[in-house]
Amino acid sequence: MPRSTRRPVLPPERMASYRQRMRAAGLRPVQIWVPDTRAPEFVAACHAQARAVAAHDPGGDEILGWIEETYEWPDA
């Protein structure tokens, strides 16, 4: 099989081309920072919040009542 005479496209060039195509399609890049759900601190904070909610409303009736009051259910 003959070798290609084209030089390989370097990653920065490929990325620049990709970004150019995306911008031409009317899109723009956005960077979003979100919590790392794998971090032990995040897991501990979630558990602490869940325990606090459960201790305040063991049956969940208050929370479910609030959801029923605030959510507009569709007329199916």
PDB file of N, CA and C in Angstrom:
ATOM      1  N   MET A   1       0.849  -1.178   0.000  1.00  0.00           N
ATOM      2  CA  MET A   1       0.000   0.000   0.000  1.00  0.00           C
ATOM      3  C   MET A   1       0.896   1.244   0.000  1.00  0.00           C
ATOM      4  N   PRO A   2       0.655   2.189  -0.901  1.00  0.00           N
ATOM      5  CA  PRO A   2       1.517   3.371  -0.984  1.00  0.00           C
ATOM      6  C   PRO A   2       1.276   4.302   0.207  1.00  0.00           C
ATOM      7  N   ARG A   3       2.347   4.964   0.587  1.00  0.00           N
ATOM      8  CA  ARG A   3       2.249   5.934   1.682  1.00  0.00           C
ATOM      9  C   ARG A   3       1.592   7.207   1.193  1.00  0.00           C
ATOM     10  N   SER A   4       0.867   7.845   2.102  1.00  0.00           N
ATOM     11  CA  SER A   4       0.227   9.109   1.764  1.00  0.00           C
ATOM     12  C   SER A   4       1.284  10.202   1.676  1.00  0.00           C
ATOM     13  N   THR A   5       1.123  11.093   0.736  1.00  0.00           N
ATOM     14  CA  THR A   5       2.073  12.195   0.586  1.00  0.00           C
ATOM     15  C   THR A   5       1.629  13.403   1.411  1.00  0.00           C
ATOM     16  N   ARG A   6       0.441  13.323   1.966  1.00  0.00           N
ATOM     17  CA  ARG A   6      -0.042  14.431   2.796  1.00  0.00           C
ATOM     18  C   ARG A   6       0.609  14.353   4.172  1.00  0.00           C
ATOM     19  N   ARG A   7       0.932  15.522   4.708  1.00  0.00           N
ATOM     20  CA  ARG A   7       1.510  15.534   6.052  1.00  0.00           C
ATOM     21  C   ARG A   7       0.388  15.360   7.066  1.00  0.00           C
ATOM     22  N   PRO A   8       0.658  14.744   8.194  1.00  0.00           N
ATOM     23  CA  PRO A   8      -0.385  14.575   9.203  1.00  0.00           C
ATOM     24  C   PRO A   8      -0.790  15.929   9.787  1.00  0.00           C
ATOM     25  N   VAL A   9      -2.063  16.061  10.063  1.00  0.00           N
ATOM     26  CA  VAL A   9      -2.577  17.303  10.642  1.00  0.00           C
ATOM     27  C   VAL A   9      -2.360  17.230  12.148  1.00  0.00           C
ATOM     28  N   LEU A  10      -1.697  18.235  12.679  1.00  0.00           N
ATOM     29  CA  LEU A  10      -1.397  18.271  14.104  1.00  0.00           C
ATOM     30  C   LEU A  10      -2.658  18.589  14.920  1.00  0.00           C
ATOM     31  N   PRO A  11      -2.730  18.101  16.147  1.00  0.00           N
ATOM     32  CA  PRO A  11      -3.925  18.331  16.980  1.00  0.00           C
ATOM     33  C   PRO A  11      -4.346  19.797  17.104  1.00  0.00           C
ATOM     34  N   PRO A  12      -3.423  20.741  17.324  1.00  0.00           N
ATOM     35  CA  PRO A  12      -3.881  22.139  17.411  1.00  0.00           C
ATOM     36  C   PRO A  12      -4.553  22.619  16.124  1.00  0.00           C
ATOM     37  N   GLU A  13      -4.051  22.157  14.982  1.00  0.00           N
ATOM     38  CA  GLU A  13      -4.657  22.532  13.702  1.00  0.00           C
ATOM     39  C   GLU A  13      -6.037  21.907  13.550  1.00  0.00           C
ATOM     40  N   ARG A  14      -6.169  20.637  13.955  1.00  0.00           N
ATOM     41  CA  ARG A  14      -7.474  19.969  13.888  1.00  0.00           C
ATOM     42  C   ARG A  14      -8.484  20.683  14.785  1.00  0.00           C
ATOM     43  N   MET A  15      -8.049  21.072  15.983  1.00  0.00           N
ATOM     44  CA  MET A  15      -8.944  21.740  16.913  1.00  0.00           C
ATOM     45  C   MET A  15      -9.366  23.101  16.379  1.00  0.00           C
ATOM     46  N   ALA A  16      -8.419  23.836  15.799  1.00  0.00           N
ATOM     47  CA  ALA A  16      -8.735  25.143  15.225  1.00  0.00           C
ATOM     48  C   ALA A  16      -9.743  24.993  14.098  1.00  0.00           C
ATOM     49  N   SER A  17      -9.559  23.981  13.269  1.00  0.00           N
ATOM     50  CA  SER A  17     -10.491  23.725  12.179  1.00  0.00           C
ATOM     51  C   SER A  17     -11.880  23.369  12.714  1.00  0.00           C
ATOM     52  N   TYR A  18     -11.900  22.538  13.737  1.00  0.00           N
ATOM     53  CA  TYR A  18     -13.175  22.138  14.355  1.00  0.00           C
ATOM     54  C   TYR A  18     -13.899  23.360  14.929  1.00  0.00           C
ATOM     55  N   ARG A  19     -13.163  24.192  15.663  1.00  0.00           N
ATOM     56  CA  ARG A  19     -13.779  25.391  16.244  1.00  0.00           C
ATOM     57  C   ARG A  19     -14.290  26.332  15.162  1.00  0.00           C
ATOM     58  N   GLN A  20     -13.551  26.444  14.084  1.00  0.00           N
ATOM     59  CA  GLN A  20     -13.972  27.303  12.982  1.00  0.00           C
ATOM     60  C   GLN A  20     -15.278  26.777  12.374  1.00  0.00           C
ATOM     61  N   ARG A  21     -15.374  25.470  12.183  1.00  0.00           N
ATOM     62  CA  ARG A  21     -16.611  24.879  11.632  1.00  0.00           C
ATOM     63  C   ARG A  21     -17.786  25.078  12.587  1.00  0.00           C
ATOM     64  N   MET A  22     -17.547  24.932  13.868  1.00  0.00           N
ATOM     65  CA  MET A  22     -18.615  25.104  14.849  1.00  0.00           C
ATOM     66  C   MET A  22     -19.097  26.556  14.882  1.00  0.00           C
ATOM     67  N   ARG A  23     -18.148  27.487  14.818  1.00  0.00           N
ATOM     68  CA  ARG A  23     -18.545  28.904  14.791  1.00  0.00           C
ATOM     69  C   ARG A  23     -19.310  29.226  13.517  1.00  0.00           C
ATOM     70  N   ALA A  24     -18.896  28.642  12.412  1.00  0.00           N
ATOM     71  CA  ALA A  24     -19.600  28.853  11.146  1.00  0.00           C
ATOM     72  C   ALA A  24     -21.027  28.305  11.212  1.00  0.00           C
ATOM     73  N   ALA A  25     -21.228  27.304  12.063  1.00  0.00           N
ATOM     74  CA  ALA A  25     -22.569  26.730  12.237  1.00  0.00           C
ATOM     75  C   ALA A  25     -23.397  27.539  13.241  1.00  0.00           C
ATOM     76  N   GLY A  26     -22.830  28.656  13.738  1.00  0.00           N
ATOM     77  CA  GLY A  26     -23.570  29.515  14.656  1.00  0.00           C
ATOM     78  C   GLY A  26     -23.425  29.133  16.118  1.00  0.00           C
ATOM     79  N   LEU A  27     -22.426  28.324  16.449  1.00  0.00           N
ATOM     80  CA  LEU A  27     -22.213  27.901  17.828  1.00  0.00           C
ATOM     81  C   LEU A  27     -21.011  28.622  18.413  1.00  0.00           C
ATOM     82  N   ARG A  28     -20.934  28.653  19.734  1.00  0.00           N
ATOM     83  CA  ARG A  28     -19.777  29.243  20.390  1.00  0.00           C
ATOM     84  C   ARG A  28     -19.350  28.341  21.541  1.00  0.00           C
ATOM     85  N   PRO A  29     -18.060  28.333  21.866  1.00  0.00           N
ATOM     86  CA  PRO A  29     -17.592  27.474  22.952  1.00  0.00           C
ATOM     87  C   PRO A  29     -17.967  28.069  24.309  1.00  0.00           C
ATOM     88  N   VAL A  30     -18.327  27.182  25.232  1.00  0.00           N
ATOM     89  CA  VAL A  30     -18.652  27.586  26.596  1.00  0.00           C
ATOM     90  C   VAL A  30     -17.981  26.600  27.542  1.00  0.00           C
ATOM     91  N   GLN A  31     -17.348  27.119  28.567  1.00  0.00           N
ATOM     92  CA  GLN A  31     -16.723  26.255  29.565  1.00  0.00           C
ATOM     93  C   GLN A  31     -17.583  26.294  30.815  1.00  0.00           C
ATOM     94  N   ILE A  32     -17.943  25.129  31.320  1.00  0.00           N
ATOM     95  CA  ILE A  32     -18.790  25.026  32.501  1.00  0.00           C
ATOM     96  C   ILE A  32     -18.050  24.234  33.567  1.00  0.00           C
ATOM     97  N   TRP A  33     -18.002  24.790  34.762  1.00  0.00           N
ATOM     98  CA  TRP A  33     -17.388  24.105  35.897  1.00  0.00           C
ATOM     99  C   TRP A  33     -18.506  23.542  36.755  1.00  0.00           C
ATOM    100  N   VAL A  34     -18.438  22.263  37.037  1.00  0.00           N
ATOM    101  CA  VAL A  34     -19.448  21.594  37.856  1.00  0.00           C
ATOM    102  C   VAL A  34     -18.757  20.876  39.017  1.00  0.00           C
ATOM    103  N   PRO A  35     -19.498  20.588  40.083  1.00  0.00           N
ATOM    104  CA  PRO A  35     -18.880  19.869  41.199  1.00  0.00           C
ATOM    105  C   PRO A  35     -18.373  18.495  40.758  1.00  0.00           C
ATOM    106  N   ASP A  36     -17.268  18.086  41.350  1.00  0.00           N
ATOM    107  CA  ASP A  36     -16.711  16.766  41.076  1.00  0.00           C
ATOM    108  C   ASP A  36     -17.459  15.775  41.966  1.00  0.00           C
ATOM    109  N   THR A  37     -18.387  15.039  41.383  1.00  0.00           N
ATOM    110  CA  THR A  37     -19.215  14.121  42.160  1.00  0.00           C
ATOM    111  C   THR A  37     -18.428  12.929  42.683  1.00  0.00           C
ATOM    112  N   ARG A  38     -17.190  12.762  42.218  1.00  0.00           N
ATOM    113  CA  ARG A  38     -16.352  11.666  42.701  1.00  0.00           C
ATOM    114  C   ARG A  38     -15.539  12.054  43.926  1.00  0.00           C
ATOM    115  N   ALA A  39     -15.516  13.345  44.245  1.00  0.00           N
ATOM    116  CA  ALA A  39     -14.714  13.817  45.374  1.00  0.00           C
ATOM    117  C   ALA A  39     -15.350  13.387  46.696  1.00  0.00           C
ATOM    118  N   PRO A  40     -14.552  12.895  47.631  1.00  0.00           N
ATOM    119  CA  PRO A  40     -15.092  12.468  48.925  1.00  0.00           C
ATOM    120  C   PRO A  40     -15.831  13.594  49.661  1.00  0.00           C
ATOM    121  N   GLU A  41     -15.356  14.833  49.509  1.00  0.00           N
ATOM    122  CA  GLU A  41     -16.022  15.964  50.168  1.00  0.00           C
ATOM    123  C   GLU A  41     -17.426  16.171  49.624  1.00  0.00           C
ATOM    124  N   PHE A  42     -17.595  15.994  48.315  1.00  0.00           N
ATOM    125  CA  PHE A  42     -18.914  16.151  47.695  1.00  0.00           C
ATOM    126  C   PHE A  42     -19.866  15.077  48.203  1.00  0.00           C
ATOM    127  N   VAL A  43     -19.390  13.850  48.235  1.00  0.00           N
ATOM    128  CA  VAL A  43     -20.212  12.732  48.710  1.00  0.00           C
ATOM    129  C   VAL A  43     -20.617  12.959  50.164  1.00  0.00           C
ATOM    130  N   ALA A  44     -19.674  13.403  50.993  1.00  0.00           N
ATOM    131  CA  ALA A  44     -19.973  13.657  52.401  1.00  0.00           C
ATOM    132  C   ALA A  44     -21.008  14.766  52.557  1.00  0.00           C
ATOM    133  N   ALA A  45     -20.882  15.818  51.755  1.00  0.00           N
ATOM    134  CA  ALA A  45     -21.847  16.915  51.823  1.00  0.00           C
ATOM    135  C   ALA A  45     -23.240  16.444  51.403  1.00  0.00           C
ATOM    136  N   CYS A  46     -23.330  15.607  50.385  1.00  0.00           N
ATOM    137  CA  CYS A  46     -24.629  15.074  49.942  1.00  0.00           C
ATOM    138  C   CYS A  46     -25.264  14.229  51.041  1.00  0.00           C
ATOM    139  N   HIS A  47     -24.460  13.393  51.663  1.00  0.00           N
ATOM    140  CA  HIS A  47     -24.979  12.541  52.737  1.00  0.00           C
ATOM    141  C   HIS A  47     -25.460  13.392  53.912  1.00  0.00           C
ATOM    142  N   ALA A  48     -24.692  14.427  54.249  1.00  0.00           N
ATOM    143  CA  ALA A  48     -25.073  15.293  55.363  1.00  0.00           C
ATOM    144  C   ALA A  48     -26.382  16.014  55.066  1.00  0.00           C
ATOM    145  N   GLN A  49     -26.549  16.499  53.841  1.00  0.00           N
ATOM    146  CA  GLN A  49     -27.781  17.182  53.467  1.00  0.00           C
ATOM    147  C   GLN A  49     -28.964  16.221  53.467  1.00  0.00           C
ATOM    148  N   ALA A  50     -28.747  15.017  52.982  1.00  0.00           N
ATOM    149  CA  ALA A  50     -29.824  14.024  52.964  1.00  0.00           C
ATOM    150  C   ALA A  50     -30.245  13.662  54.388  1.00  0.00           C
ATOM    151  N   ARG A  51     -29.256  13.518  55.284  1.00  0.00           N
ATOM    152  CA  ARG A  51     -29.581  13.220  56.688  1.00  0.00           C
ATOM    153  C   ARG A  51     -30.350  14.372  57.331  1.00  0.00           C
ATOM    154  N   ALA A  52     -29.958  15.608  57.016  1.00  0.00           N
ATOM    155  CA  ALA A  52     -30.645  16.771  57.575  1.00  0.00           C
ATOM    156  C   ALA A  52     -32.095  16.837  57.108  1.00  0.00           C
ATOM    157  N   VAL A  53     -32.327  16.564  55.847  1.00  0.00           N
ATOM    158  CA  VAL A  53     -33.696  16.564  55.310  1.00  0.00           C
ATOM    159  C   VAL A  53     -34.498  15.438  55.948  1.00  0.00           C
ATOM    160  N   ALA A  54     -33.904  14.248  56.047  1.00  0.00           N
ATOM    161  CA  ALA A  54     -34.612  13.102  56.624  1.00  0.00           C
ATOM    162  C   ALA A  54     -34.929  13.344  58.092  1.00  0.00           C
ATOM    163  N   ALA A  55     -34.037  13.998  58.818  1.00  0.00           N
ATOM    164  CA  ALA A  55     -34.285  14.264  60.239  1.00  0.00           C
ATOM    165  C   ALA A  55     -35.394  15.295  60.416  1.00  0.00           C
ATOM    166  N   HIS A  56     -35.474  16.241  59.493  1.00  0.00           N
ATOM    167  CA  HIS A  56     -36.492  17.281  59.596  1.00  0.00           C
ATOM    168  C   HIS A  56     -37.865  16.771  59.184  1.00  0.00           C
ATOM    169  N   ASP A  57     -37.900  15.910  58.200  1.00  0.00           N
ATOM    170  CA  ASP A  57     -39.173  15.408  57.665  1.00  0.00           C
ATOM    171  C   ASP A  57     -39.017  13.920  57.363  1.00  0.00           C
ATOM    172  N   PRO A  58     -39.076  13.071  58.391  1.00  0.00           N
ATOM    173  CA  PRO A  58     -38.785  11.647  58.211  1.00  0.00           C
ATOM    174  C   PRO A  58     -39.620  10.965  57.134  1.00  0.00           C
ATOM    175  N   GLY A  59     -40.871  11.301  57.005  1.00  0.00           N
ATOM    176  CA  GLY A  59     -41.722  10.640  56.019  1.00  0.00           C
ATOM    177  C   GLY A  59     -41.671  11.283  54.644  1.00  0.00           C
ATOM    178  N   GLY A  60     -41.092  12.472  54.573  1.00  0.00           N
ATOM    179  CA  GLY A  60     -41.036  13.169  53.291  1.00  0.00           C
ATOM    180  C   GLY A  60     -42.347  13.839  52.918  1.00  0.00           C
ATOM    181  N   ASP A  61     -43.310  13.865  53.835  1.00  0.00           N
ATOM    182  CA  ASP A  61     -44.632  14.422  53.517  1.00  0.00           C
ATOM    183  C   ASP A  61     -44.574  15.914  53.209  1.00  0.00           C
ATOM    184  N   GLU A  62     -43.755  16.635  53.967  1.00  0.00           N
ATOM    185  CA  GLU A  62     -43.665  18.079  53.752  1.00  0.00           C
ATOM    186  C   GLU A  62     -43.096  18.385  52.376  1.00  0.00           C
ATOM    187  N   ILE A  63     -42.055  17.667  52.000  1.00  0.00           N
ATOM    188  CA  ILE A  63     -41.430  17.897  50.698  1.00  0.00           C
ATOM    189  C   ILE A  63     -42.383  17.502  49.570  1.00  0.00           C
ATOM    190  N   LEU A  64     -43.017  16.344  49.688  1.00  0.00           N
ATOM    191  CA  LEU A  64     -43.954  15.909  48.648  1.00  0.00           C
ATOM    192  C   LEU A  64     -45.131  16.868  48.548  1.00  0.00           C
ATOM    193  N   GLY A  65     -45.594  17.370  49.685  1.00  0.00           N
ATOM    194  CA  GLY A  65     -46.682  18.354  49.674  1.00  0.00           C
ATOM    195  C   GLY A  65     -46.278  19.614  48.951  1.00  0.00           C
ATOM    196  N   TRP A  66     -45.044  20.069  49.193  1.00  0.00           N
ATOM    197  CA  TRP A  66     -44.553  21.264  48.525  1.00  0.00           C
ATOM    198  C   TRP A  66     -44.463  21.035  47.011  1.00  0.00           C
ATOM    199  N   ILE A  67     -43.995  19.860  46.604  1.00  0.00           N
ATOM    200  CA  ILE A  67     -43.913  19.543  45.173  1.00  0.00           C
ATOM    201  C   ILE A  67     -45.300  19.556  44.550  1.00  0.00           C
ATOM    202  N   GLU A  68     -46.263  18.957  45.227  1.00  0.00           N
ATOM    203  CA  GLU A  68     -47.642  18.927  44.715  1.00  0.00           C
ATOM    204  C   GLU A  68     -48.195  20.345  44.553  1.00  0.00           C
ATOM    205  N   GLU A  69     -47.872  21.225  45.509  1.00  0.00           N
ATOM    206  CA  GLU A  69     -48.386  22.596  45.467  1.00  0.00           C
ATOM    207  C   GLU A  69     -47.738  23.434  44.385  1.00  0.00           C
ATOM    208  N   THR A  70     -46.453  23.219  44.129  1.00  0.00           N
ATOM    209  CA  THR A  70     -45.718  24.108  43.222  1.00  0.00           C
ATOM    210  C   THR A  70     -45.651  23.608  41.789  1.00  0.00           C
ATOM    211  N   TYR A  71     -45.722  22.322  41.574  1.00  0.00           N
ATOM    212  CA  TYR A  71     -45.576  21.779  40.232  1.00  0.00           C
ATOM    213  C   TYR A  71     -46.911  21.784  39.518  1.00  0.00           C
ATOM    214  N   GLU A  72     -46.927  22.265  38.286  1.00  0.00           N
ATOM    215  CA  GLU A  72     -48.149  22.262  37.492  1.00  0.00           C
ATOM    216  C   GLU A  72     -48.206  20.971  36.692  1.00  0.00           C
ATOM    217  N   TRP A  73     -49.031  20.043  37.145  1.00  0.00           N
ATOM    218  CA  TRP A  73     -49.150  18.750  36.492  1.00  0.00           C
ATOM    219  C   TRP A  73     -49.944  18.906  35.207  1.00  0.00           C
ATOM    220  N   PRO A  74     -49.528  18.249  34.141  1.00  0.00           N
ATOM    221  CA  PRO A  74     -50.261  18.361  32.865  1.00  0.00           C
ATOM    222  C   PRO A  74     -51.609  17.663  32.955  1.00  0.00           C
ATOM    223  N   ASP A  75     -52.569  18.217  32.231  1.00  0.00           N
ATOM    224  CA  ASP A  75     -53.899  17.588  32.160  1.00  0.00           C
ATOM    225  C   ASP A  75     -53.858  16.537  31.065  1.00  0.00           C
ATOM    226  N   ALA A  76     -53.487  15.353  31.418  1.00  0.00           N
ATOM    227  CA  ALA A  76     -53.314  14.290  30.412  1.00  0.00           C
ATOM    228  C   ALA A  76     -54.592  13.694  29.986  1.00  0.00           C
TER     229      ALA A  76
END
